[in-house]
Amino acid sequence: MNENFLNDLTQERLLAIIRGSDADAAIRAGVTLVECGIRFLEVSLVTADALRVIGEIQRLGGDRCMIGAGTVLTRDDVARAADAGARFMVTPAVTDSVAESVARGIPVVAGALTPTEVLTAVGLGATAVKLFPGSVGGPRYLKALREPLPLVPFVPVGGVTTVAAAEYLGYGAIAVGIGSPLLGDSVRGGDLDELRSRAAAFRAVAEESRPSL
């Protein structure tokens, strides 16, 4: 399962991050992104009624999407998110949730910033490493990290615009995690047509960088 997850995420290139205080708006935004062709979505557990949001987007999106849980900090978070239907976990740091996800055979994108944190996450069995916050060093920091760690599958997250996404992918990231630059105010009931336009822009970047099968 982990290998398939990694291969599929590498092919898709985009991981949308949903976080907000309006559960129904979050569901509408998530379903809209699935309709736009964005397959991987992470629903942060700080989102209002996050477990319902995870389940509803997965139910409405069906086979067109893979919904995961984000901001997964504890072993209990893993259990609750998995019961709600989350098919992968994303953490902001190397926490107990990484080992718990690995033990359950659930793909986990573990948050790390420094080389030591990256190697710790990999050593625990993380499927990929979420470079967070990516905005601290930007694409050139990813480039520097990959020189000694070329085999680590990195997913930069934090302030990733379309321009930054193209740079990250060009420097070898397998995918990028995109939150507010993609979602905007859609998670607060904002214009879904504008969300569709932003999704199309990010998908164009992904398409240009997509690896050949």
C-alpha atoms as a PDB file:
ATOM      1  CA  MET A   1       0.000   0.000   0.000  1.00  0.00           C
ATOM      2  CA  ASN A   2       2.800   2.417   0.908  1.00  0.00           C
ATOM      3  CA  GLU A   3       4.612   1.849  -2.387  1.00  0.00           C
ATOM      4  CA  ASN A   4       1.424   2.417  -4.370  1.00  0.00           C
ATOM      5  CA  PHE A   5       0.711   5.559  -2.365  1.00  0.00           C
ATOM      6  CA  LEU A   6       4.178   6.919  -3.049  1.00  0.00           C
ATOM      7  CA  ASN A   7       4.018   6.105  -6.753  1.00  0.00           C
ATOM      8  CA  ASP A   8       0.574   7.636  -7.126  1.00  0.00           C
ATOM      9  CA  LEU A   9       1.493  10.810  -5.221  1.00  0.00           C
ATOM     10  CA  THR A  10       4.639  11.169  -7.318  1.00  0.00           C
ATOM     11  CA  GLN A  11       2.512  10.945 -10.440  1.00  0.00           C
ATOM     12  CA  GLU A  12      -0.177  13.351  -9.210  1.00  0.00           C
ATOM     13  CA  ARG A  13       2.338  15.897  -7.807  1.00  0.00           C
ATOM     14  CA  LEU A  14      -0.228  17.815  -5.720  1.00  0.00           C
ATOM     15  CA  LEU A  15      -1.493  17.373  -2.162  1.00  0.00           C
ATOM     16  CA  ALA A  16      -4.255  19.833  -1.289  1.00  0.00           C
ATOM     17  CA  ILE A  17      -4.469  20.837   2.373  1.00  0.00           C
ATOM     18  CA  ILE A  18      -7.880  21.679   3.808  1.00  0.00           C
ATOM     19  CA  ARG A  19      -8.036  23.576   7.086  1.00  0.00           C
ATOM     20  CA  GLY A  20     -10.886  25.751   8.312  1.00  0.00           C
ATOM     21  CA  SER A  21     -13.595  26.551  10.828  1.00  0.00           C
ATOM     22  CA  ASP A  22     -16.605  25.809   8.583  1.00  0.00           C
ATOM     23  CA  ALA A  23     -17.059  22.076   8.082  1.00  0.00           C
ATOM     24  CA  ASP A  24     -19.674  22.315   5.339  1.00  0.00           C
ATOM     25  CA  ALA A  25     -17.591  24.841   3.385  1.00  0.00           C
ATOM     26  CA  ALA A  26     -14.573  22.553   3.764  1.00  0.00           C
ATOM     27  CA  ILE A  27     -16.553  19.648   2.331  1.00  0.00           C
ATOM     28  CA  ARG A  28     -17.732  21.734  -0.634  1.00  0.00           C
ATOM     29  CA  ALA A  29     -14.191  22.942  -1.293  1.00  0.00           C
ATOM     30  CA  GLY A  30     -12.820  19.414  -1.088  1.00  0.00           C
ATOM     31  CA  VAL A  31     -15.398  17.974  -3.453  1.00  0.00           C
ATOM     32  CA  THR A  32     -14.762  20.845  -5.880  1.00  0.00           C
ATOM     33  CA  LEU A  33     -11.043  20.040  -5.898  1.00  0.00           C
ATOM     34  CA  VAL A  34     -11.784  16.381  -6.603  1.00  0.00           C
ATOM     35  CA  GLU A  35     -14.015  17.444  -9.494  1.00  0.00           C
ATOM     36  CA  CYS A  36     -11.104  19.568 -10.757  1.00  0.00           C
ATOM     37  CA  GLY A  37      -8.900  16.481 -10.867  1.00  0.00           C
ATOM     38  CA  ILE A  38      -6.917  16.920  -7.660  1.00  0.00           C
ATOM     39  CA  ARG A  39      -6.827  13.433  -6.217  1.00  0.00           C
ATOM     40  CA  PHE A  40      -4.879  13.742  -2.946  1.00  0.00           C
ATOM     41  CA  LEU A  41      -6.465  15.830  -0.198  1.00  0.00           C
ATOM     42  CA  GLU A  42      -5.384  16.221   3.411  1.00  0.00           C
ATOM     43  CA  VAL A  43      -7.938  17.396   5.964  1.00  0.00           C
ATOM     44  CA  SER A  44      -6.206  18.876   8.996  1.00  0.00           C
ATOM     45  CA  LEU A  45      -7.557  17.602  12.286  1.00  0.00           C
ATOM     46  CA  VAL A  46      -7.788  21.229  13.474  1.00  0.00           C
ATOM     47  CA  THR A  47     -10.600  21.691  10.928  1.00  0.00           C
ATOM     48  CA  ALA A  48     -14.069  21.985  12.422  1.00  0.00           C
ATOM     49  CA  ASP A  49     -15.699  18.539  12.616  1.00  0.00           C
ATOM     50  CA  ALA A  50     -12.631  17.189  10.793  1.00  0.00           C
ATOM     51  CA  LEU A  51     -13.559  13.510  11.030  1.00  0.00           C
ATOM     52  CA  ARG A  52     -16.911  14.144   9.358  1.00  0.00           C
ATOM     53  CA  VAL A  53     -15.201  16.233   6.680  1.00  0.00           C
ATOM     54  CA  ILE A  54     -12.785  13.391   5.940  1.00  0.00           C
ATOM     55  CA  GLY A  55     -15.566  10.841   5.655  1.00  0.00           C
ATOM     56  CA  GLU A  56     -17.850  13.017   3.542  1.00  0.00           C
ATOM     57  CA  ILE A  57     -15.236  14.051   0.987  1.00  0.00           C
ATOM     58  CA  GLN A  58     -14.092  10.446   0.629  1.00  0.00           C
ATOM     59  CA  ARG A  59     -17.704   9.257   0.260  1.00  0.00           C
ATOM     60  CA  LEU A  60     -18.621  11.904  -2.307  1.00  0.00           C
ATOM     61  CA  GLY A  61     -15.319  11.677  -4.172  1.00  0.00           C
ATOM     62  CA  GLY A  62     -15.220   7.894  -4.288  1.00  0.00           C
ATOM     63  CA  ASP A  63     -12.496   6.328  -6.399  1.00  0.00           C
ATOM     64  CA  ARG A  64     -11.506   9.736  -7.781  1.00  0.00           C
ATOM     65  CA  CYS A  65      -9.724  10.718  -4.605  1.00  0.00           C
ATOM     66  CA  MET A  66      -7.628   9.660  -1.658  1.00  0.00           C
ATOM     67  CA  ILE A  67      -8.378  11.555   1.542  1.00  0.00           C
ATOM     68  CA  GLY A  68      -5.935  11.717   4.420  1.00  0.00           C
ATOM     69  CA  ALA A  69      -5.723  13.356   7.825  1.00  0.00           C
ATOM     70  CA  GLY A  70      -3.291  16.145   8.649  1.00  0.00           C
ATOM     71  CA  THR A  71      -1.910  17.570  11.890  1.00  0.00           C
ATOM     72  CA  VAL A  72      -1.870  13.999  13.204  1.00  0.00           C
ATOM     73  CA  LEU A  73       0.053  14.225  16.469  1.00  0.00           C
ATOM     74  CA  THR A  74      -0.779  11.230  18.662  1.00  0.00           C
ATOM     75  CA  ARG A  75      -1.466   7.527  18.423  1.00  0.00           C
ATOM     76  CA  ASP A  76      -5.087   8.285  19.265  1.00  0.00           C
ATOM     77  CA  ASP A  77      -5.245  10.774  16.386  1.00  0.00           C
ATOM     78  CA  VAL A  78      -4.189   7.981  14.036  1.00  0.00           C
ATOM     79  CA  ALA A  79      -6.876   5.658  15.358  1.00  0.00           C
ATOM     80  CA  ARG A  80      -9.639   8.257  15.145  1.00  0.00           C
ATOM     81  CA  ALA A  81      -8.648   9.416  11.670  1.00  0.00           C
ATOM     82  CA  ALA A  82      -8.394   5.859  10.348  1.00  0.00           C
ATOM     83  CA  ASP A  83     -11.829   5.028  11.766  1.00  0.00           C
ATOM     84  CA  ALA A  84     -13.210   8.104   9.976  1.00  0.00           C
ATOM     85  CA  GLY A  85     -11.873   6.830   6.652  1.00  0.00           C
ATOM     86  CA  ALA A  86      -8.510   8.592   6.320  1.00  0.00           C
ATOM     87  CA  ARG A  87      -6.265   6.574   4.020  1.00  0.00           C
ATOM     88  CA  PHE A  88      -2.994   8.302   4.871  1.00  0.00           C
ATOM     89  CA  MET A  89      -1.608  10.468   7.676  1.00  0.00           C
ATOM     90  CA  VAL A  90       0.370  13.713   7.596  1.00  0.00           C
ATOM     91  CA  THR A  91       2.243  15.076  10.618  1.00  0.00           C
ATOM     92  CA  PRO A  92       3.889  18.456  11.295  1.00  0.00           C
ATOM     93  CA  ALA A  93       6.816  16.798  13.079  1.00  0.00           C
ATOM     94  CA  VAL A  94       8.292  13.439  14.071  1.00  0.00           C
ATOM     95  CA  THR A  95       5.775  12.376  16.738  1.00  0.00           C
ATOM     96  CA  ASP A  96       4.322   9.124  18.110  1.00  0.00           C
ATOM     97  CA  SER A  97       1.789   9.228  15.294  1.00  0.00           C
ATOM     98  CA  VAL A  98       4.520   8.328  12.777  1.00  0.00           C
ATOM     99  CA  ALA A  99       5.365   5.034  14.476  1.00  0.00           C
ATOM    100  CA  GLU A 100       1.670   4.257  15.007  1.00  0.00           C
ATOM    101  CA  SER A 101       0.868   4.839  11.339  1.00  0.00           C
ATOM    102  CA  VAL A 102       3.774   2.600  10.293  1.00  0.00           C
ATOM    103  CA  ALA A 103       2.641  -0.115  12.713  1.00  0.00           C
ATOM    104  CA  ARG A 104      -0.854  -0.022  11.189  1.00  0.00           C
ATOM    105  CA  GLY A 105       0.508  -0.098   7.627  1.00  0.00           C
ATOM    106  CA  ILE A 106      -0.941   3.340   6.862  1.00  0.00           C
ATOM    107  CA  PRO A 107       1.107   5.626   4.591  1.00  0.00           C
ATOM    108  CA  VAL A 108       2.484   8.566   6.560  1.00  0.00           C
ATOM    109  CA  VAL A 109       4.063  11.801   5.356  1.00  0.00           C
ATOM    110  CA  ALA A 110       6.106  12.865   8.369  1.00  0.00           C
ATOM    111  CA  GLY A 111       7.006  16.486   9.024  1.00  0.00           C
ATOM    112  CA  ALA A 112      10.701  17.389   9.296  1.00  0.00           C
ATOM    113  CA  LEU A 113      12.957  20.354   8.577  1.00  0.00           C
ATOM    114  CA  THR A 114      16.553  19.595   9.513  1.00  0.00           C
ATOM    115  CA  PRO A 115      18.690  16.742   8.143  1.00  0.00           C
ATOM    116  CA  THR A 116      18.552  15.023  11.539  1.00  0.00           C
ATOM    117  CA  GLU A 117      14.755  15.209  11.623  1.00  0.00           C
ATOM    118  CA  VAL A 118      14.552  13.951   8.041  1.00  0.00           C
ATOM    119  CA  LEU A 119      16.711  10.921   8.814  1.00  0.00           C
ATOM    120  CA  THR A 120      14.765  10.241  12.010  1.00  0.00           C
ATOM    121  CA  ALA A 121      11.494  10.204  10.074  1.00  0.00           C
ATOM    122  CA  VAL A 122      12.945   7.911   7.424  1.00  0.00           C
ATOM    123  CA  GLY A 123      14.360   5.622  10.113  1.00  0.00           C
ATOM    124  CA  LEU A 124      10.912   5.265  11.682  1.00  0.00           C
ATOM    125  CA  GLY A 125       9.527   4.137   8.327  1.00  0.00           C
ATOM    126  CA  ALA A 126       7.817   7.284   7.046  1.00  0.00           C
ATOM    127  CA  THR A 127       6.533   6.847   3.502  1.00  0.00           C
ATOM    128  CA  ALA A 128       7.628  10.386   2.585  1.00  0.00           C
ATOM    129  CA  VAL A 129       8.957  13.461   4.363  1.00  0.00           C
ATOM    130  CA  LYS A 130       6.932  16.650   4.587  1.00  0.00           C
ATOM    131  CA  LEU A 131       9.507  19.451   4.408  1.00  0.00           C
ATOM    132  CA  PHE A 132       7.908  21.894   6.837  1.00  0.00           C
ATOM    133  CA  PRO A 133       7.785  24.794   7.029  1.00  0.00           C
ATOM    134  CA  GLY A 134       9.116  24.947   3.490  1.00  0.00           C
ATOM    135  CA  SER A 135       8.841  28.721   3.470  1.00  0.00           C
ATOM    136  CA  VAL A 136      11.790  28.968   5.885  1.00  0.00           C
ATOM    137  CA  GLY A 137      14.379  27.928   3.296  1.00  0.00           C
ATOM    138  CA  GLY A 138      12.381  27.755   0.091  1.00  0.00           C
ATOM    139  CA  PRO A 139      13.206  25.670  -2.962  1.00  0.00           C
ATOM    140  CA  ARG A 140      16.961  26.204  -2.653  1.00  0.00           C
ATOM    141  CA  TYR A 141      16.900  24.624   0.805  1.00  0.00           C
ATOM    142  CA  LEU A 142      15.277  21.531  -0.705  1.00  0.00           C
ATOM    143  CA  LYS A 143      18.002  21.492  -3.344  1.00  0.00           C
ATOM    144  CA  ALA A 144      20.661  21.604  -0.623  1.00  0.00           C
ATOM    145  CA  LEU A 145      18.991  18.821   1.372  1.00  0.00           C
ATOM    146  CA  ARG A 146      18.705  16.546  -1.624  1.00  0.00           C
ATOM    147  CA  GLU A 147      22.424  16.679  -2.373  1.00  0.00           C
ATOM    148  CA  PRO A 148      23.302  14.412   0.600  1.00  0.00           C
ATOM    149  CA  LEU A 149      19.823  12.801   0.738  1.00  0.00           C
ATOM    150  CA  PRO A 150      18.886  12.156  -2.910  1.00  0.00           C
ATOM    151  CA  LEU A 151      16.658   9.147  -2.245  1.00  0.00           C
ATOM    152  CA  VAL A 152      14.357  10.764   0.323  1.00  0.00           C
ATOM    153  CA  PRO A 153      10.893  11.483  -1.115  1.00  0.00           C
ATOM    154  CA  PHE A 154      10.229  15.100  -0.112  1.00  0.00           C
ATOM    155  CA  VAL A 155       6.875  16.914  -0.101  1.00  0.00           C
ATOM    156  CA  PRO A 156       7.468  20.629   0.680  1.00  0.00           C
ATOM    157  CA  VAL A 157       4.632  22.356   2.537  1.00  0.00           C
ATOM    158  CA  GLY A 158       4.135  25.955   3.641  1.00  0.00           C
ATOM    159  CA  GLY A 159       3.360  28.967   1.476  1.00  0.00           C
ATOM    160  CA  VAL A 160       3.706  27.021  -1.777  1.00  0.00           C
ATOM    161  CA  THR A 161       2.586  29.219  -4.670  1.00  0.00           C
ATOM    162  CA  THR A 162       2.474  28.074  -8.298  1.00  0.00           C
ATOM    163  CA  VAL A 163       5.917  29.612  -8.844  1.00  0.00           C
ATOM    164  CA  ALA A 164       7.373  27.883  -5.790  1.00  0.00           C
ATOM    165  CA  ALA A 165       5.665  24.620  -6.748  1.00  0.00           C
ATOM    166  CA  ALA A 166       7.404  24.617 -10.122  1.00  0.00           C
ATOM    167  CA  GLU A 167      10.760  25.261  -8.428  1.00  0.00           C
ATOM    168  CA  TYR A 168      10.290  22.584  -5.784  1.00  0.00           C
ATOM    169  CA  LEU A 169       9.261  20.001  -8.362  1.00  0.00           C
ATOM    170  CA  GLY A 170      12.175  21.035 -10.542  1.00  0.00           C
ATOM    171  CA  TYR A 171      14.547  20.432  -7.621  1.00  0.00           C
ATOM    172  CA  GLY A 172      13.244  16.907  -7.132  1.00  0.00           C
ATOM    173  CA  ALA A 173      10.281  17.067  -4.760  1.00  0.00           C
ATOM    174  CA  ILE A 174       7.902  14.184  -5.481  1.00  0.00           C
ATOM    175  CA  ALA A 175       4.921  16.481  -4.810  1.00  0.00           C
ATOM    176  CA  VAL A 176       4.016  19.726  -3.069  1.00  0.00           C
ATOM    177  CA  GLY A 177       1.479  20.349  -0.334  1.00  0.00           C
ATOM    178  CA  ILE A 178      -0.660  23.403  -1.015  1.00  0.00           C
ATOM    179  CA  GLY A 179      -2.963  25.097   1.464  1.00  0.00           C
ATOM    180  CA  SER A 180      -4.073  28.721   1.406  1.00  0.00           C
ATOM    181  CA  PRO A 181      -2.489  29.598  -1.985  1.00  0.00           C
ATOM    182  CA  LEU A 182      -4.908  27.014  -3.436  1.00  0.00           C
ATOM    183  CA  LEU A 183      -7.869  26.983  -1.056  1.00  0.00           C
ATOM    184  CA  GLY A 184      -8.035  30.747  -0.425  1.00  0.00           C
ATOM    185  CA  ASP A 185     -11.329  31.654   1.217  1.00  0.00           C
ATOM    186  CA  SER A 186     -13.186  28.631  -0.176  1.00  0.00           C
ATOM    187  CA  VAL A 187     -13.015  26.903   3.228  1.00  0.00           C
ATOM    188  CA  ARG A 188     -14.901  29.894   4.633  1.00  0.00           C
ATOM    189  CA  GLY A 189     -17.611  29.808   1.987  1.00  0.00           C
ATOM    190  CA  GLY A 190     -15.729  31.741  -0.710  1.00  0.00           C
ATOM    191  CA  ASP A 191     -16.199  31.624  -4.474  1.00  0.00           C
ATOM    192  CA  LEU A 192     -15.782  28.084  -5.796  1.00  0.00           C
ATOM    193  CA  ASP A 193     -15.208  29.315  -9.350  1.00  0.00           C
ATOM    194  CA  GLU A 194     -12.103  31.118  -8.124  1.00  0.00           C
ATOM    195  CA  LEU A 195     -11.044  27.892  -6.422  1.00  0.00           C
ATOM    196  CA  ARG A 196     -11.450  26.076  -9.736  1.00  0.00           C
ATOM    197  CA  SER A 197      -9.237  28.647 -11.448  1.00  0.00           C
ATOM    198  CA  ARG A 198      -6.504  28.247  -8.832  1.00  0.00           C
ATOM    199  CA  ALA A 199      -6.776  24.469  -9.078  1.00  0.00           C
ATOM    200  CA  ALA A 200      -6.330  24.654 -12.842  1.00  0.00           C
ATOM    201  CA  ALA A 201      -3.193  26.772 -12.403  1.00  0.00           C
ATOM    202  CA  PHE A 202      -1.635  24.312  -9.970  1.00  0.00           C
ATOM    203  CA  ARG A 203      -2.615  21.363 -12.141  1.00  0.00           C
ATOM    204  CA  ALA A 204      -0.869  22.993 -15.100  1.00  0.00           C
ATOM    205  CA  VAL A 205       2.338  23.181 -13.046  1.00  0.00           C
ATOM    206  CA  ALA A 206       1.928  19.554 -12.020  1.00  0.00           C
ATOM    207  CA  GLU A 207       1.333  18.443 -15.592  1.00  0.00           C
ATOM    208  CA  GLU A 208       4.469  20.194 -16.805  1.00  0.00           C
ATOM    209  CA  SER A 209       6.608  18.472 -14.169  1.00  0.00           C
ATOM    210  CA  ARG A 210       4.950  15.060 -14.214  1.00  0.00           C
ATOM    211  CA  PRO A 211       7.415  12.169 -14.580  1.00  0.00           C
ATOM    212  CA  SER A 212       7.065   9.838 -17.526  1.00  0.00           C
ATOM    213  CA  LEU A 213       5.542   6.454 -16.835  1.00  0.00           C
END
